[in-house]
Amino acid sequence: MNTKKLLKALVSYKTISLFIPTILALYFGFHPFSPSNEKTGFLIGQWQYDYNYINEGMTVKVTGNTTYFKNGKYNSIANMTLQSEKSFDITCHLNVAGFWDEFDEDITTTTQDLVLSTNSLKLNGSEVGGYDICNGGNKATTGKSTLVAVGQSQSYRKISASKDEVILLAHSSVGDDYKIYMKKIK
């Protein structure tokens, strides 16, 4: 092989080997990687849930759907029924929006907005209309609830999880912890 050709090839190789790292360093200096705020994991998607618990002698039953988004937000629409043994039965519609986060086996949700309205009210077995008990007992209204603090958080622990089903243990601040059964629908 000719010495001039070999020398020329080595100079070209050195030039290219210096040129490429310099270009990459300049590019990533002006366009640094930033950590993504995008959430990942099993929870992302739409889930149907059903659970009940007892709070101060009342049975609380909740059924609905929650969508967990990659940006850390969630939306939930549900029906909640409060039942005492004999005196009343109230069913409320809930529309909730907020933020969620996941840490190992723990999930935390923080409510940012909640709209409640009464679907039905029965006192001593008789239907009663015109009052929105779920919204502070006033005449039927629409709008934000005055009964829930904005920023209120709830924590859960994963008991079991598969691709399409999960069981969470909700940590209650007013009574016993309770299980939530969720099934993925999207």
Protein backbone atom coordinates (compact mmCIF):
# COMPACT_ATOMS: atom_id res chain seq x y z
CA MET A 1 0.00 0.00 0.00
CA ASN A 2 1.22 3.43 -0.82
CA THR A 3 2.48 5.48 2.17
CA LYS A 4 0.83 8.67 0.91
CA LYS A 5 -2.56 6.93 0.66
CA LEU A 6 -2.14 5.45 4.13
CA LEU A 7 -1.17 8.83 5.59
CA LYS A 8 -4.11 10.51 3.83
CA ALA A 9 -6.52 7.85 5.19
CA LEU A 10 -5.19 8.30 8.73
CA VAL A 11 -5.56 12.09 8.56
CA SER A 12 -9.13 11.68 7.25
CA TYR A 13 -9.91 9.19 10.02
CA LYS A 14 -8.54 11.57 12.69
CA THR A 15 -10.48 14.48 11.21
CA ILE A 16 -13.73 12.51 11.16
CA SER A 17 -13.15 11.08 14.67
CA LEU A 18 -12.69 14.63 16.03
CA PHE A 19 -15.41 16.22 13.92
CA ILE A 20 -18.30 13.90 14.91
CA PRO A 21 -17.87 14.21 18.73
CA THR A 22 -17.54 17.99 18.37
CA ILE A 23 -20.80 18.20 16.42
CA LEU A 24 -22.56 15.91 18.94
CA ALA A 25 -21.26 17.91 21.90
CA LEU A 26 -22.50 21.16 20.35
CA TYR A 27 -25.91 19.67 19.50
CA PHE A 28 -26.54 18.20 22.97
CA GLY A 29 -25.15 21.32 24.60
CA PHE A 30 -27.90 23.37 22.96
CA HIS A 31 -30.56 20.60 23.12
CA PRO A 32 -30.03 18.83 26.47
CA PHE A 33 -32.12 15.85 27.49
CA SER A 34 -34.79 16.83 29.96
CA PRO A 35 -36.48 14.38 32.29
CA SER A 36 -39.94 13.45 31.07
CA ASN A 37 -42.94 14.20 33.26
CA GLU A 38 -44.82 11.51 31.40
CA LYS A 39 -46.11 8.67 33.59
CA THR A 40 -45.69 5.03 32.65
CA GLY A 41 -46.97 1.81 34.12
CA PHE A 42 -50.00 -0.38 34.44
CA LEU A 43 -52.40 2.31 35.71
CA ILE A 44 -52.55 4.36 32.50
CA GLY A 45 -55.89 3.84 30.75
CA GLN A 46 -59.55 3.63 31.68
CA TRP A 47 -60.67 1.53 34.64
CA GLN A 48 -64.09 0.48 35.90
CA TYR A 49 -64.37 0.15 39.66
CA ASP A 50 -66.78 -0.97 42.34
CA TYR A 51 -66.36 -0.79 46.10
CA ASN A 52 -68.17 -0.19 49.35
CA TYR A 53 -67.32 0.60 52.94
CA ILE A 54 -68.99 1.57 56.21
CA ASN A 55 -68.54 5.09 57.56
CA GLU A 56 -70.19 6.17 60.83
CA GLY A 57 -72.98 3.60 60.52
CA MET A 58 -73.69 4.33 56.85
CA THR A 59 -72.88 2.03 53.96
CA VAL A 60 -71.16 3.86 51.12
CA LYS A 61 -71.26 2.16 47.68
CA VAL A 62 -69.35 3.57 44.72
CA THR A 63 -69.33 2.44 41.07
CA GLY A 64 -67.76 4.31 38.19
CA ASN A 65 -64.94 4.78 35.69
CA THR A 66 -61.59 6.52 36.10
CA THR A 67 -59.16 7.41 33.33
CA TYR A 68 -55.50 7.82 34.30
CA PHE A 69 -53.49 9.86 31.80
CA LYS A 70 -49.74 9.83 31.05
CA ASN A 71 -49.47 13.48 32.11
CA GLY A 72 -50.31 12.54 35.73
CA LYS A 73 -53.94 13.70 35.64
CA TYR A 74 -57.07 11.64 36.16
CA ASN A 75 -60.80 12.05 35.53
CA SER A 76 -63.45 10.01 37.30
CA ILE A 77 -67.22 9.76 36.89
CA ALA A 78 -69.14 7.71 39.45
CA ASN A 79 -72.36 7.13 41.33
CA MET A 80 -72.13 7.03 45.11
CA THR A 81 -74.93 5.71 47.29
CA LEU A 82 -75.13 6.47 51.01
CA GLN A 83 -77.47 4.18 52.91
CA SER A 84 -78.48 4.12 56.54
CA GLU A 85 -80.19 1.03 57.90
CA LYS A 86 -83.75 2.38 57.56
CA SER A 87 -84.05 6.15 57.45
CA PHE A 88 -82.51 7.28 54.15
CA ASP A 89 -80.90 6.34 50.86
CA ILE A 90 -79.08 9.01 48.83
CA THR A 91 -77.50 8.51 45.42
CA CYS A 92 -75.10 11.17 44.16
CA HIS A 93 -73.37 11.61 40.83
CA LEU A 94 -69.66 12.54 41.10
CA ASN A 95 -67.44 14.11 38.47
CA VAL A 96 -63.86 14.32 39.76
CA ALA A 97 -60.60 15.63 38.27
CA GLY A 98 -57.16 15.64 39.77
CA PHE A 99 -53.60 14.34 39.78
CA TRP A 100 -52.17 10.89 40.47
CA ASP A 101 -48.75 9.48 41.21
CA GLU A 102 -47.32 6.02 41.76
CA PHE A 103 -44.48 5.07 44.11
CA ASP A 104 -43.63 1.36 44.04
CA GLU A 105 -46.77 -0.32 45.42
CA ASP A 106 -48.44 2.93 46.54
CA ILE A 107 -50.71 5.21 44.52
CA THR A 108 -51.75 8.70 45.57
CA THR A 109 -54.56 10.77 44.06
CA THR A 110 -55.14 14.46 44.73
CA THR A 111 -58.53 16.00 43.98
CA GLN A 112 -58.41 19.32 42.14
CA ASP A 113 -62.09 19.63 41.24
CA LEU A 114 -65.24 17.79 42.28
CA VAL A 115 -68.81 18.31 41.14
CA LEU A 116 -71.57 16.50 43.06
CA SER A 117 -75.27 16.33 42.37
CA THR A 118 -78.09 14.29 43.91
CA ASN A 119 -79.61 11.63 41.66
CA SER A 120 -82.17 10.44 44.19
CA LEU A 121 -83.13 10.88 47.83
CA LYS A 122 -85.36 8.51 49.78
CA LEU A 123 -86.43 9.23 53.35
CA ASN A 124 -88.15 6.37 55.18
CA GLY A 125 -88.68 4.66 51.81
CA SER A 126 -90.34 7.64 50.08
CA GLU A 127 -88.74 9.56 47.20
CA VAL A 128 -88.05 13.23 47.99
CA GLY A 129 -87.21 15.78 45.26
CA GLY A 130 -85.93 19.32 44.95
CA TYR A 131 -82.99 19.23 47.36
CA ASP A 132 -79.40 18.52 46.44
CA ILE A 133 -78.26 16.77 49.62
CA CYS A 134 -74.90 15.91 48.02
CA ASN A 135 -74.17 19.60 47.59
CA GLY A 136 -74.78 20.81 51.13
CA GLY A 137 -78.57 20.34 51.39
CA ASN A 138 -79.51 23.32 49.27
CA LYS A 139 -82.06 23.44 46.50
CA ALA A 140 -80.87 21.52 43.46
CA THR A 141 -77.85 23.26 41.97
CA THR A 142 -75.00 22.61 39.63
CA GLY A 143 -71.39 23.58 40.09
CA LYS A 144 -68.52 22.83 42.41
CA SER A 145 -69.14 21.10 45.69
CA THR A 146 -68.56 22.95 48.92
CA LEU A 147 -68.12 19.69 50.83
CA VAL A 148 -64.66 18.59 49.63
CA ALA A 149 -61.41 20.48 50.06
CA VAL A 150 -59.47 21.15 46.86
CA GLY A 151 -56.12 19.43 47.12
CA GLN A 152 -57.38 16.61 49.34
CA SER A 153 -55.31 13.46 48.77
CA GLN A 154 -56.06 9.75 49.10
CA SER A 155 -53.51 6.93 49.22
CA TYR A 156 -53.86 3.34 48.06
CA ARG A 157 -51.68 0.23 48.18
CA LYS A 158 -51.67 -2.36 45.39
CA ILE A 159 -52.72 -5.70 46.84
CA SER A 160 -52.66 -7.50 43.51
CA ALA A 161 -52.32 -6.42 39.92
CA SER A 162 -52.46 -8.02 36.50
CA LYS A 163 -52.68 -6.54 33.03
CA ASP A 164 -56.46 -6.08 33.20
CA GLU A 165 -57.39 -6.18 36.91
CA VAL A 166 -56.13 -4.63 40.11
CA ILE A 167 -57.16 -4.68 43.75
CA LEU A 168 -56.24 -1.64 45.82
CA LEU A 169 -56.42 -1.13 49.57
CA ALA A 170 -57.68 2.40 50.25
CA HIS A 171 -56.32 3.97 53.41
CA SER A 172 -59.31 5.61 55.08
CA SER A 173 -58.92 8.61 57.35
CA VAL A 174 -62.45 8.24 58.79
CA GLY A 175 -62.90 4.50 59.23
CA ASP A 176 -61.53 1.11 58.29
CA ASP A 177 -59.41 0.66 55.18
CA TYR A 178 -61.34 -0.88 52.28
CA LYS A 179 -60.66 -2.72 49.01
CA ILE A 180 -61.33 -1.32 45.56
CA TYR A 181 -61.74 -3.74 42.66
CA MET A 182 -60.80 -2.27 39.29
CA LYS A 183 -61.05 -3.76 35.81
CA LYS A 184 -59.33 -2.19 32.79
CA ILE A 185 -61.74 -1.30 29.99
CA LYS A 186 -59.40 0.67 27.65
